[in-house]
C-alpha cells in the first residue's frame, strides 16, 4: 500500500502509540484515529488524534466497528497490553468465536487471526515500524561505554540463546552473565525479566533482546525505551544488546542521554556478531 491518507492506531500502553501519531502526521498522513483500551492507553492519545473510541481489552467486535466507523484504509498496532489484563480478559462474542478456533493460543496465532478479521472489514494492517524508521537501532555502538571482551562474549552468547527462545515462542529477551543464562523472558514481559536476571547478575549482567525469525512485524516489534533503561539501571545491568534494524528505540535522545549518564552500554547487533 502507498502512504494512506488516514490511519487508525490500535493503541496499547506507553509512549509508542503517541510517538506513532506524531510521526504519522509528520510523514504526511492527513487524519489519524485511535482505538484505545481502558486502563492501558494514555489519555494523551486524544490530543494527538482526530478521533478516539475507547473499549475494553477483548472487545473485538467494538474494535472492528471502530475501524469501520473511522473509515481509514489502514491500521497499525502500537504499544503493549498488560499481562494482568490479558489474564482478566472478558472477550465479547466475536472474540470468543475467534478464540474457539485457535488450537494454539500465542501472540502469533492470536494477533494473526485478529489481523485477518481486520482485513475482512476492508482495513490493511501495516507493519508497526511504518513511519518510525528513524527510530530503528543502528548496528554497532549506540550509547554508553564501549563493549569489553567479556561483554562481547556475553552479547554473542545471549543473542544465540534469545534467538532460540524466541523460536520456541518463550520470549525474546534473555539476561546473561559470564556465559550463564540468568533469566528468560516469558509472559511477564521484558522489564520483569530484566529485574529477575539483573538482581542475579550482581552488577555485571547483559540484557539481549531480539526479534523472532520470520517475525510478523505488523503486530510484534521489539522495543526499548527510557523505562527499559531505568529498569536495567535499578538492578545493575551494564549492557543492553538489541537487534539492529529490527528494534525500535523509543524516545531515542532521552534513552541515549540516560544510558550515557548511567554508564550503560546500548549496542545494536546483527546476527550473533558484536
C-alpha atoms as a PDB file:
ATOM      1  CA  UNK A   1       0.000   0.000   0.000  1.00  0.00           C
ATOM      2  CA  UNK A   2       1.198   3.529  -0.799  1.00  0.00           C
ATOM      3  CA  UNK A   3       1.054   6.018   2.048  1.00  0.00           C
ATOM      4  CA  UNK A   4      -2.549   6.153   3.292  1.00  0.00           C
ATOM      5  CA  UNK A   5      -4.420   9.423   3.678  1.00  0.00           C
ATOM      6  CA  UNK A   6      -5.652   8.278   7.085  1.00  0.00           C
ATOM      7  CA  UNK A   7      -4.831   5.538   9.599  1.00  0.00           C
ATOM      8  CA  UNK A   8      -6.195   4.099  12.815  1.00  0.00           C
ATOM      9  CA  UNK A   9      -3.758   3.333  15.626  1.00  0.00           C
ATOM     10  CA  UNK A  10      -4.772   0.337  17.715  1.00  0.00           C
ATOM     11  CA  UNK A  11      -3.159   1.812  20.795  1.00  0.00           C
ATOM     12  CA  UNK A  12      -1.808  -0.103  23.760  1.00  0.00           C
ATOM     13  CA  UNK A  13       0.159   1.342  26.665  1.00  0.00           C
ATOM     14  CA  UNK A  14       3.219   3.562  26.840  1.00  0.00           C
ATOM     15  CA  UNK A  15       4.733   6.234  24.595  1.00  0.00           C
ATOM     16  CA  UNK A  16       4.806   4.112  21.434  1.00  0.00           C
ATOM     17  CA  UNK A  17       1.252   4.968  20.224  1.00  0.00           C
ATOM     18  CA  UNK A  18       1.839   8.661  20.975  1.00  0.00           C
ATOM     19  CA  UNK A  19       5.100   8.719  19.033  1.00  0.00           C
ATOM     20  CA  UNK A  20       3.435   6.916  16.147  1.00  0.00           C
ATOM     21  CA  UNK A  21       0.633   9.511  15.980  1.00  0.00           C
ATOM     22  CA  UNK A  22       3.192  12.330  15.823  1.00  0.00           C
ATOM     23  CA  UNK A  23       5.396  10.655  13.222  1.00  0.00           C
ATOM     24  CA  UNK A  24       2.461   9.637  11.011  1.00  0.00           C
ATOM     25  CA  UNK A  25       1.377  13.274  10.796  1.00  0.00           C
ATOM     26  CA  UNK A  26       4.974  14.333  10.131  1.00  0.00           C
ATOM     27  CA  UNK A  27       5.070  11.847   7.263  1.00  0.00           C
ATOM     28  CA  UNK A  28       2.009  13.494   5.725  1.00  0.00           C
ATOM     29  CA  UNK A  29      -0.896  11.343   6.927  1.00  0.00           C
ATOM     30  CA  UNK A  30      -3.873  13.687   6.925  1.00  0.00           C
ATOM     31  CA  UNK A  31      -6.083  12.099   9.591  1.00  0.00           C
ATOM     32  CA  UNK A  32      -5.075   9.866  12.500  1.00  0.00           C
ATOM     33  CA  UNK A  33      -7.592   7.980  14.643  1.00  0.00           C
ATOM     34  CA  UNK A  34      -7.161   5.712  17.664  1.00  0.00           C
ATOM     35  CA  UNK A  35      -8.845   2.612  19.012  1.00  0.00           C
ATOM     36  CA  UNK A  36      -7.896   2.866  22.695  1.00  0.00           C
ATOM     37  CA  UNK A  37      -8.162   0.452  25.631  1.00  0.00           C
ATOM     38  CA  UNK A  38      -9.442   1.323  29.084  1.00  0.00           C
ATOM     39  CA  UNK A  39      -6.714   1.006  31.693  1.00  0.00           C
ATOM     40  CA  UNK A  40      -3.995   0.751  29.061  1.00  0.00           C
ATOM     41  CA  UNK A  41      -3.870   3.611  26.543  1.00  0.00           C
ATOM     42  CA  UNK A  42      -2.630   7.012  27.696  1.00  0.00           C
ATOM     43  CA  UNK A  43      -5.389   9.661  27.653  1.00  0.00           C
ATOM     44  CA  UNK A  44      -2.858  11.858  25.778  1.00  0.00           C
ATOM     45  CA  UNK A  45      -3.781   9.939  22.630  1.00  0.00           C
ATOM     46  CA  UNK A  46      -6.906  12.140  22.366  1.00  0.00           C
ATOM     47  CA  UNK A  47      -4.742  15.259  21.999  1.00  0.00           C
ATOM     48  CA  UNK A  48      -2.785  13.768  19.097  1.00  0.00           C
ATOM     49  CA  UNK A  49      -5.558  12.238  17.020  1.00  0.00           C
ATOM     50  CA  UNK A  50      -8.704  13.245  15.153  1.00  0.00           C
ATOM     51  CA  UNK A  51     -10.939  10.810  16.987  1.00  0.00           C
ATOM     52  CA  UNK A  52     -10.740   8.115  19.692  1.00  0.00           C
ATOM     53  CA  UNK A  53     -13.026   5.224  20.512  1.00  0.00           C
ATOM     54  CA  UNK A  54     -12.475   3.570  23.905  1.00  0.00           C
ATOM     55  CA  UNK A  55     -13.088  -0.107  24.635  1.00  0.00           C
ATOM     56  CA  UNK A  56     -12.134  -2.915  26.994  1.00  0.00           C
ATOM     57  CA  UNK A  57      -9.414  -5.371  26.106  1.00  0.00           C
ATOM     58  CA  UNK A  58     -11.209  -8.294  24.448  1.00  0.00           C
ATOM     59  CA  UNK A  59     -13.965  -6.311  22.726  1.00  0.00           C
ATOM     60  CA  UNK A  60     -13.069  -7.426  19.221  1.00  0.00           C
ATOM     61  CA  UNK A  61     -16.482  -6.552  17.840  1.00  0.00           C
ATOM     62  CA  UNK A  62     -16.184  -2.983  19.122  1.00  0.00           C
ATOM     63  CA  UNK A  63     -12.684  -2.724  17.663  1.00  0.00           C
ATOM     64  CA  UNK A  64     -13.903  -3.786  14.231  1.00  0.00           C
ATOM     65  CA  UNK A  65     -16.838  -1.390  14.423  1.00  0.00           C
ATOM     66  CA  UNK A  66     -14.451   1.438  15.333  1.00  0.00           C
ATOM     67  CA  UNK A  67     -12.278   0.662  12.333  1.00  0.00           C
ATOM     68  CA  UNK A  68     -15.296   0.739  10.048  1.00  0.00           C
ATOM     69  CA  UNK A  69     -16.611   3.973  11.603  1.00  0.00           C
ATOM     70  CA  UNK A  70     -13.283   5.770  11.211  1.00  0.00           C
ATOM     71  CA  UNK A  71     -13.127   4.713   7.576  1.00  0.00           C
ATOM     72  CA  UNK A  72      -9.309   4.747   7.408  1.00  0.00           C
ATOM     73  CA  UNK A  73      -7.943   2.247   4.870  1.00  0.00           C
ATOM     74  CA  UNK A  74      -5.032   1.222   7.121  1.00  0.00           C
ATOM     75  CA  UNK A  75      -4.371   0.478  10.772  1.00  0.00           C
ATOM     76  CA  UNK A  76      -1.318  -0.090  12.940  1.00  0.00           C
ATOM     77  CA  UNK A  77      -0.853  -1.836  16.273  1.00  0.00           C
ATOM     78  CA  UNK A  78       1.344   0.028  18.756  1.00  0.00           C
ATOM     79  CA  UNK A  79       2.005  -0.487  22.458  1.00  0.00           C
ATOM     80  CA  UNK A  80       1.504  -3.398  24.811  1.00  0.00           C
ATOM     81  CA  UNK A  81      -1.348  -4.784  26.867  1.00  0.00           C
ATOM     82  CA  UNK A  82      -0.507  -5.645  30.484  1.00  0.00           C
ATOM     83  CA  UNK A  83      -0.390  -9.401  31.191  1.00  0.00           C
ATOM     84  CA  UNK A  84      -2.833  -8.891  34.084  1.00  0.00           C
ATOM     85  CA  UNK A  85      -5.425  -7.518  31.649  1.00  0.00           C
ATOM     86  CA  UNK A  86      -4.893 -10.464  29.329  1.00  0.00           C
ATOM     87  CA  UNK A  87      -5.483 -12.867  32.215  1.00  0.00           C
ATOM     88  CA  UNK A  88      -8.634 -10.946  33.229  1.00  0.00           C
ATOM     89  CA  UNK A  89      -9.823 -10.849  29.642  1.00  0.00           C
ATOM     90  CA  UNK A  90     -13.590 -10.585  29.172  1.00  0.00           C
ATOM     91  CA  UNK A  91     -13.962 -11.402  25.497  1.00  0.00           C
ATOM     92  CA  UNK A  92     -17.071 -10.422  23.613  1.00  0.00           C
ATOM     93  CA  UNK A  93     -18.923 -12.887  21.391  1.00  0.00           C
ATOM     94  CA  UNK A  94     -16.775 -12.060  18.353  1.00  0.00           C
ATOM     95  CA  UNK A  95     -13.592 -12.709  20.341  1.00  0.00           C
ATOM     96  CA  UNK A  96     -14.972 -15.911  21.880  1.00  0.00           C
ATOM     97  CA  UNK A  97     -15.694 -17.326  18.432  1.00  0.00           C
ATOM     98  CA  UNK A  98     -12.201 -16.402  17.289  1.00  0.00           C
ATOM     99  CA  UNK A  99     -10.540 -17.953  20.370  1.00  0.00           C
ATOM    100  CA  UNK A 100     -12.523 -21.160  19.972  1.00  0.00           C
ATOM    101  CA  UNK A 101     -10.981 -21.703  16.543  1.00  0.00           C
ATOM    102  CA  UNK A 102      -7.371 -21.473  17.777  1.00  0.00           C
ATOM    103  CA  UNK A 103      -5.761 -24.803  18.717  1.00  0.00           C
ATOM    104  CA  UNK A 104      -2.647 -22.906  19.889  1.00  0.00           C
ATOM    105  CA  UNK A 105      -3.048 -19.541  21.608  1.00  0.00           C
ATOM    106  CA  UNK A 106       0.044 -17.390  21.485  1.00  0.00           C
ATOM    107  CA  UNK A 107       0.831 -13.884  20.251  1.00  0.00           C
ATOM    108  CA  UNK A 108       1.453 -15.056  16.696  1.00  0.00           C
ATOM    109  CA  UNK A 109      -1.758 -17.050  16.284  1.00  0.00           C
ATOM    110  CA  UNK A 110      -3.954 -14.612  18.210  1.00  0.00           C
ATOM    111  CA  UNK A 111      -2.804 -11.423  16.525  1.00  0.00           C
ATOM    112  CA  UNK A 112      -2.547 -13.138  13.163  1.00  0.00           C
ATOM    113  CA  UNK A 113      -6.201 -14.085  13.412  1.00  0.00           C
ATOM    114  CA  UNK A 114      -7.131 -10.567  14.539  1.00  0.00           C
ATOM    115  CA  UNK A 115      -5.237  -9.224  11.517  1.00  0.00           C
ATOM    116  CA  UNK A 116      -7.367 -11.479   9.311  1.00  0.00           C
ATOM    117  CA  UNK A 117     -10.537 -10.122  10.943  1.00  0.00           C
ATOM    118  CA  UNK A 118      -9.326  -6.561  10.390  1.00  0.00           C
ATOM    119  CA  UNK A 119      -8.709  -7.387   6.731  1.00  0.00           C
ATOM    120  CA  UNK A 120     -12.273  -8.652   6.386  1.00  0.00           C
ATOM    121  CA  UNK A 121     -13.626  -5.187   7.225  1.00  0.00           C
ATOM    122  CA  UNK A 122     -11.515  -3.684   4.453  1.00  0.00           C
ATOM    123  CA  UNK A 123      -8.623  -2.357   6.556  1.00  0.00           C
ATOM    124  CA  UNK A 124      -4.985  -3.235   5.885  1.00  0.00           C
ATOM    125  CA  UNK A 125      -2.778  -3.788   8.928  1.00  0.00           C
ATOM    126  CA  UNK A 126       0.577  -2.086   8.270  1.00  0.00           C
ATOM    127  CA  UNK A 127       3.952  -3.071   9.781  1.00  0.00           C
ATOM    128  CA  UNK A 128       4.273  -1.486  13.208  1.00  0.00           C
ATOM    129  CA  UNK A 129       7.559   0.173  12.214  1.00  0.00           C
ATOM    130  CA  UNK A 130       5.894   2.223   9.462  1.00  0.00           C
ATOM    131  CA  UNK A 131       6.720   5.955   9.870  1.00  0.00           C
ATOM    132  CA  UNK A 132       9.279   5.055  12.575  1.00  0.00           C
ATOM    133  CA  UNK A 133      12.285   4.002  10.506  1.00  0.00           C
ATOM    134  CA  UNK A 134      14.421   6.760  12.086  1.00  0.00           C
ATOM    135  CA  UNK A 135      13.945   5.095  15.475  1.00  0.00           C
ATOM    136  CA  UNK A 136      15.309   1.693  14.469  1.00  0.00           C
ATOM    137  CA  UNK A 137      18.532   0.682  16.213  1.00  0.00           C
ATOM    138  CA  UNK A 138      21.602   1.075  14.004  1.00  0.00           C
ATOM    139  CA  UNK A 139      24.325  -1.582  14.019  1.00  0.00           C
ATOM    140  CA  UNK A 140      27.219  -1.070  16.413  1.00  0.00           C
ATOM    141  CA  UNK A 141      27.745   1.095  19.464  1.00  0.00           C
ATOM    142  CA  UNK A 142      24.755   3.319  20.291  1.00  0.00           C
ATOM    143  CA  UNK A 143      25.399   4.669  23.796  1.00  0.00           C
ATOM    144  CA  UNK A 144      27.449   4.179  26.945  1.00  0.00           C
ATOM    145  CA  UNK A 145      30.969   2.753  27.326  1.00  0.00           C
ATOM    146  CA  UNK A 146      32.470   0.559  24.567  1.00  0.00           C
ATOM    147  CA  UNK A 147      31.963  -3.183  24.952  1.00  0.00           C
ATOM    148  CA  UNK A 148      34.781  -5.091  26.610  1.00  0.00           C
ATOM    149  CA  UNK A 149      35.832  -8.617  25.661  1.00  0.00           C
ATOM    150  CA  UNK A 150      33.748 -10.368  28.338  1.00  0.00           C
ATOM    151  CA  UNK A 151      30.692  -8.301  27.421  1.00  0.00           C
ATOM    152  CA  UNK A 152      31.171  -9.075  23.722  1.00  0.00           C
ATOM    153  CA  UNK A 153      31.241 -12.788  24.552  1.00  0.00           C
ATOM    154  CA  UNK A 154      28.065 -12.474  26.620  1.00  0.00           C
ATOM    155  CA  UNK A 155      26.382 -10.416  23.896  1.00  0.00           C
ATOM    156  CA  UNK A 156      27.092 -13.106  21.297  1.00  0.00           C
ATOM    157  CA  UNK A 157      26.044 -15.895  23.663  1.00  0.00           C
ATOM    158  CA  UNK A 158      22.855 -14.091  24.710  1.00  0.00           C
ATOM    159  CA  UNK A 159      21.957 -13.331  21.091  1.00  0.00           C
ATOM    160  CA  UNK A 160      22.091 -17.029  20.185  1.00  0.00           C
ATOM    161  CA  UNK A 161      20.031 -18.017  23.234  1.00  0.00           C
ATOM    162  CA  UNK A 162      17.424 -15.298  22.656  1.00  0.00           C
ATOM    163  CA  UNK A 163      17.004 -16.348  19.024  1.00  0.00           C
ATOM    164  CA  UNK A 164      16.339 -19.889  20.189  1.00  0.00           C
ATOM    165  CA  UNK A 165      13.910 -18.992  22.999  1.00  0.00           C
ATOM    166  CA  UNK A 166      12.019 -16.706  20.619  1.00  0.00           C
ATOM    167  CA  UNK A 167      11.872 -19.509  18.031  1.00  0.00           C
ATOM    168  CA  UNK A 168      10.262 -21.682  20.705  1.00  0.00           C
ATOM    169  CA  UNK A 169       7.783 -18.852  21.444  1.00  0.00           C
ATOM    170  CA  UNK A 170       9.030 -18.488  25.026  1.00  0.00           C
ATOM    171  CA  UNK A 171      10.396 -14.954  24.959  1.00  0.00           C
ATOM    172  CA  UNK A 172      12.608 -12.586  23.002  1.00  0.00           C
ATOM    173  CA  UNK A 173      14.750 -11.271  25.861  1.00  0.00           C
ATOM    174  CA  UNK A 174      17.394 -13.017  27.947  1.00  0.00           C
ATOM    175  CA  UNK A 175      19.692 -11.855  30.728  1.00  0.00           C
ATOM    176  CA  UNK A 176      23.158 -13.435  30.883  1.00  0.00           C
ATOM    177  CA  UNK A 177      26.487 -13.152  32.697  1.00  0.00           C
ATOM    178  CA  UNK A 178      29.741 -14.985  32.030  1.00  0.00           C
ATOM    179  CA  UNK A 179      28.106 -17.441  29.644  1.00  0.00           C
ATOM    180  CA  UNK A 180      25.276 -18.282  32.047  1.00  0.00           C
ATOM    181  CA  UNK A 181      21.582 -17.586  31.451  1.00  0.00           C
ATOM    182  CA  UNK A 182      20.190 -15.705  34.455  1.00  0.00           C
ATOM    183  CA  UNK A 183      16.665 -15.047  33.180  1.00  0.00           C
ATOM    184  CA  UNK A 184      14.489 -15.687  30.151  1.00  0.00           C
ATOM    185  CA  UNK A 185      11.527 -13.501  29.326  1.00  0.00           C
ATOM    186  CA  UNK A 186       8.190 -15.268  29.339  1.00  0.00           C
ATOM    187  CA  UNK A 187       4.649 -13.974  29.802  1.00  0.00           C
ATOM    188  CA  UNK A 188       5.679 -11.393  32.410  1.00  0.00           C
ATOM    189  CA  UNK A 189       7.416  -9.170  29.838  1.00  0.00           C
ATOM    190  CA  UNK A 190      10.831  -7.641  29.283  1.00  0.00           C
ATOM    191  CA  UNK A 191      11.095  -5.425  32.351  1.00  0.00           C
ATOM    192  CA  UNK A 192      10.254  -8.171  34.819  1.00  0.00           C
ATOM    193  CA  UNK A 193      12.794 -10.474  33.167  1.00  0.00           C
ATOM    194  CA  UNK A 194      15.409  -7.706  33.481  1.00  0.00           C
ATOM    195  CA  UNK A 195      14.597  -7.291  37.173  1.00  0.00           C
ATOM    196  CA  UNK A 196      14.968 -11.017  37.872  1.00  0.00           C
ATOM    197  CA  UNK A 197      18.129 -11.517  35.860  1.00  0.00           C
ATOM    198  CA  UNK A 198      19.771  -8.250  36.799  1.00  0.00           C
ATOM    199  CA  UNK A 199      19.354  -8.994  40.510  1.00  0.00           C
ATOM    200  CA  UNK A 200      21.243 -12.262  39.981  1.00  0.00           C
ATOM    201  CA  UNK A 201      23.978 -10.597  37.936  1.00  0.00           C
ATOM    202  CA  UNK A 202      25.451  -8.563  40.796  1.00  0.00           C
ATOM    203  CA  UNK A 203      26.037  -5.512  38.649  1.00  0.00           C
ATOM    204  CA  UNK A 204      27.513  -7.281  35.611  1.00  0.00           C
ATOM    205  CA  UNK A 205      24.527  -8.653  33.697  1.00  0.00           C
ATOM    206  CA  UNK A 206      23.922  -8.259  29.965  1.00  0.00           C
ATOM    207  CA  UNK A 207      20.402  -7.980  28.531  1.00  0.00           C
ATOM    208  CA  UNK A 208      19.826  -9.172  24.960  1.00  0.00           C
ATOM    209  CA  UNK A 209      16.585  -8.505  23.052  1.00  0.00           C
ATOM    210  CA  UNK A 210      15.949  -9.875  19.542  1.00  0.00           C
ATOM    211  CA  UNK A 211      13.193 -10.450  17.028  1.00  0.00           C
ATOM    212  CA  UNK A 212      11.804 -13.834  16.115  1.00  0.00           C
ATOM    213  CA  UNK A 213      12.925 -15.408  12.896  1.00  0.00           C
ATOM    214  CA  UNK A 214      10.224 -14.688  10.283  1.00  0.00           C
ATOM    215  CA  UNK A 215       8.566 -12.312  12.757  1.00  0.00           C
ATOM    216  CA  UNK A 216       5.327 -10.679  11.687  1.00  0.00           C
ATOM    217  CA  UNK A 217       6.149  -7.016  12.234  1.00  0.00           C
ATOM    218  CA  UNK A 218       2.530  -5.973  11.833  1.00  0.00           C
ATOM    219  CA  UNK A 219       1.906  -6.661  15.498  1.00  0.00           C
ATOM    220  CA  UNK A 220       5.159  -7.555  17.214  1.00  0.00           C
ATOM    221  CA  UNK A 221       8.194  -5.257  17.168  1.00  0.00           C
ATOM    222  CA  UNK A 222      10.982  -5.371  19.771  1.00  0.00           C
ATOM    223  CA  UNK A 223      11.075  -2.049  21.623  1.00  0.00           C
ATOM    224  CA  UNK A 224      13.220  -0.474  24.330  1.00  0.00           C
ATOM    225  CA  UNK A 225      12.970   2.999  25.819  1.00  0.00           C
ATOM    226  CA  UNK A 226      13.820   5.043  28.918  1.00  0.00           C
ATOM    227  CA  UNK A 227      11.667   2.785  31.130  1.00  0.00           C
ATOM    228  CA  UNK A 228      13.706  -0.226  29.982  1.00  0.00           C
ATOM    229  CA  UNK A 229      16.904   1.693  30.731  1.00  0.00           C
ATOM    230  CA  UNK A 230      15.790   2.726  34.213  1.00  0.00           C
ATOM    231  CA  UNK A 231      14.684  -0.830  34.987  1.00  0.00           C
ATOM    232  CA  UNK A 232      18.114  -2.092  33.936  1.00  0.00           C
ATOM    233  CA  UNK A 233      19.926   0.592  35.927  1.00  0.00           C
ATOM    234  CA  UNK A 234      17.966  -0.231  39.087  1.00  0.00           C
ATOM    235  CA  UNK A 235      19.347  -3.796  39.141  1.00  0.00           C
ATOM    236  CA  UNK A 236      22.867  -3.038  37.965  1.00  0.00           C
ATOM    237  CA  UNK A 237      22.667  -4.190  34.338  1.00  0.00           C
ATOM    238  CA  UNK A 238      25.726  -2.914  32.443  1.00  0.00           C
ATOM    239  CA  UNK A 239      24.880  -3.784  28.827  1.00  0.00           C
ATOM    240  CA  UNK A 240      21.743  -3.854  26.669  1.00  0.00           C
ATOM    241  CA  UNK A 241      22.095  -5.529  23.269  1.00  0.00           C
ATOM    242  CA  UNK A 242      19.298  -5.163  20.718  1.00  0.00           C
ATOM    243  CA  UNK A 243      18.893  -6.490  17.195  1.00  0.00           C
ATOM    244  CA  UNK A 244      19.921  -3.788  14.738  1.00  0.00           C
ATOM    245  CA  UNK A 245      17.355  -2.763  12.135  1.00  0.00           C
ATOM    246  CA  UNK A 246      14.596  -4.696  13.916  1.00  0.00           C
ATOM    247  CA  UNK A 247      14.300  -2.930  17.294  1.00  0.00           C
ATOM    248  CA  UNK A 248      12.696   0.458  17.969  1.00  0.00           C
ATOM    249  CA  UNK A 249      14.427   2.886  20.325  1.00  0.00           C
ATOM    250  CA  UNK A 250      11.586   4.942  21.815  1.00  0.00           C
ATOM    251  CA  UNK A 251      12.378   8.487  22.960  1.00  0.00           C
ATOM    252  CA  UNK A 252      15.748   7.898  21.341  1.00  0.00           C
ATOM    253  CA  UNK A 253      17.502  11.076  22.516  1.00  0.00           C
ATOM    254  CA  UNK A 254      16.348  10.648  26.120  1.00  0.00           C
ATOM    255  CA  UNK A 255      17.303   6.971  26.019  1.00  0.00           C
ATOM    256  CA  UNK A 256      20.839   7.679  24.806  1.00  0.00           C
ATOM    257  CA  UNK A 257      21.295  10.536  27.261  1.00  0.00           C
ATOM    258  CA  UNK A 258      20.197   8.339  30.158  1.00  0.00           C
ATOM    259  CA  UNK A 259      22.423   5.455  29.040  1.00  0.00           C
ATOM    260  CA  UNK A 260      25.461   7.736  28.869  1.00  0.00           C
ATOM    261  CA  UNK A 261      24.678   9.187  32.294  1.00  0.00           C
ATOM    262  CA  UNK A 262      24.185   5.715  33.818  1.00  0.00           C
ATOM    263  CA  UNK A 263      27.208   4.276  32.001  1.00  0.00           C
ATOM    264  CA  UNK A 264      25.072   1.517  30.499  1.00  0.00           C
ATOM    265  CA  UNK A 265      26.096   0.329  27.044  1.00  0.00           C
ATOM    266  CA  UNK A 266      23.480   0.004  24.304  1.00  0.00           C
ATOM    267  CA  UNK A 267      24.675  -1.932  21.280  1.00  0.00           C
ATOM    268  CA  UNK A 268      22.955  -2.875  18.018  1.00  0.00           C
ATOM    269  CA  UNK A 269      23.887  -6.428  16.982  1.00  0.00           C
ATOM    270  CA  UNK A 270      23.469  -8.113  13.614  1.00  0.00           C
ATOM    271  CA  UNK A 271      23.071 -11.884  13.853  1.00  0.00           C
ATOM    272  CA  UNK A 272      25.410 -13.010  16.638  1.00  0.00           C
ATOM    273  CA  UNK A 273      28.362 -10.801  15.694  1.00  0.00           C
ATOM    274  CA  UNK A 274      29.019  -7.941  18.096  1.00  0.00           C
END
